[in-house]
Each structure stands twice: as structure tokens, then as C-alpha cells.
């Protein structure tokens, strides 16, 4: 399970690099921060239950943040 967090770190790094190449600096910084957290957590060797709980927490937080941003911050497409 720890290896999967390192895989998540790899993919967030790839997405961050693509965002940086596309001049989306804020998005790139967000994904670079996620990369650092995922790689760090991947080397801490927690139990499998702990990794699953952390991933669920991450998913709930990211979905809530995405929903908030898309509803309240983006505005209506007119």
C-alpha cells in the first residue's frame, strides 16, 4: 500500500509538470505540494488500514474543495 502512495506521487508530479508547461502556475504548485505529501507518506510505512483511511480523507477533502470552487468561486457560464 505504501508503494501506491509513491505511485500517486509520481502521477501528481506528471500532472504538475504538464500544468507548469502549460503556464498554469497555481495548479502546478498545488500538484507539486501533493507530490511531496504522497511521496513522504509512501516512505513512512504505515499499516494498510491507515493508508486507506488517509486516502479516503484525501478524497473527501479534494471533492469538497472541488465542489466548493466550482459552485461558489467560478461563477455562472453566461
Protein backbone atom coordinates (compact mmCIF):
# COMPACT_ATOMS: atom_id res chain seq x y z
CA UNK A 1 0.00 0.00 0.00
CA UNK A 2 2.91 2.34 0.66
CA UNK A 3 4.03 1.81 -2.92
CA UNK A 4 0.66 3.05 -4.20
CA UNK A 5 1.18 6.37 -2.43
CA UNK A 6 4.52 6.67 -4.22
CA UNK A 7 2.69 5.91 -7.49
CA UNK A 8 0.19 8.67 -6.65
CA UNK A 9 3.18 10.95 -6.06
CA UNK A 10 4.56 10.08 -9.48
CA UNK A 11 1.28 10.85 -11.25
CA UNK A 12 0.74 14.11 -9.37
CA UNK A 13 4.29 15.06 -10.38
CA UNK A 14 3.46 14.33 -14.03
CA UNK A 15 0.28 16.42 -13.82
CA UNK A 16 2.18 19.21 -12.07
CA UNK A 17 4.84 19.26 -14.77
CA UNK A 18 2.21 19.39 -17.51
CA UNK A 19 0.45 22.25 -15.70
CA UNK A 20 3.77 24.08 -15.37
CA UNK A 21 4.48 23.58 -19.08
CA UNK A 22 1.02 25.00 -19.81
CA UNK A 23 1.76 28.13 -17.74
CA UNK A 24 -0.80 27.20 -15.05
CA UNK A 25 1.49 28.04 -12.15
CA UNK A 26 -1.08 27.84 -9.32
CA UNK A 27 -2.21 24.39 -10.41
CA UNK A 28 1.39 23.25 -10.78
CA UNK A 29 2.25 24.38 -7.25
CA UNK A 30 -0.81 22.58 -5.87
CA UNK A 31 0.19 19.34 -7.58
CA UNK A 32 3.85 19.67 -6.58
CA UNK A 33 2.71 20.01 -2.96
CA UNK A 34 0.55 16.91 -3.34
CA UNK A 35 3.54 15.08 -4.83
CA UNK A 36 5.68 15.91 -1.80
CA UNK A 37 2.96 14.74 0.61
CA UNK A 38 2.27 11.49 -1.26
CA UNK A 39 5.94 10.57 -1.58
CA UNK A 40 6.57 11.40 2.10
CA UNK A 41 3.61 9.29 3.19
CA UNK A 42 4.74 6.50 0.88
CA UNK A 43 8.01 6.13 2.75
CA UNK A 44 6.53 6.18 6.28
CA UNK A 45 5.32 2.55 6.08
CA UNK A 46 2.04 2.88 7.93
CA UNK A 47 -0.39 -0.01 8.20
CA UNK A 48 -2.68 -0.73 5.29
CA UNK A 49 -5.72 0.47 7.26
CA UNK A 50 -4.01 3.80 7.96
CA UNK A 51 -3.20 4.29 4.28
CA UNK A 52 -6.80 3.56 3.29
CA UNK A 53 -8.15 6.00 5.89
CA UNK A 54 -5.72 8.70 4.76
CA UNK A 55 -6.72 8.17 1.14
CA UNK A 56 -10.44 8.44 1.99
CA UNK A 57 -9.72 11.63 3.91
CA UNK A 58 -7.81 13.00 0.94
CA UNK A 59 -10.64 12.12 -1.45
CA UNK A 60 -13.31 13.71 0.76
CA UNK A 61 -11.24 16.87 1.19
CA UNK A 62 -10.42 17.16 -2.52
CA UNK A 63 -14.00 16.52 -3.67
CA UNK A 64 -15.36 19.03 -1.16
CA UNK A 65 -12.78 21.60 -2.29
CA UNK A 66 -13.50 20.98 -5.96
CA UNK A 67 -17.25 21.25 -5.39
CA UNK A 68 -16.87 24.47 -3.39
CA UNK A 69 -14.62 26.01 -6.05
CA UNK A 70 -16.79 25.03 -9.00
CA UNK A 71 -20.04 26.19 -7.36
CA UNK A 72 -19.07 29.32 -5.40
CA UNK A 73 -15.86 30.65 -6.97
CA UNK A 74 -16.10 30.04 -10.73
CA UNK A 75 -19.30 31.92 -11.46
CA UNK A 76 -22.05 31.10 -13.89
CA UNK A 77 -21.14 30.47 -17.55
CA UNK A 78 -23.19 33.08 -19.41
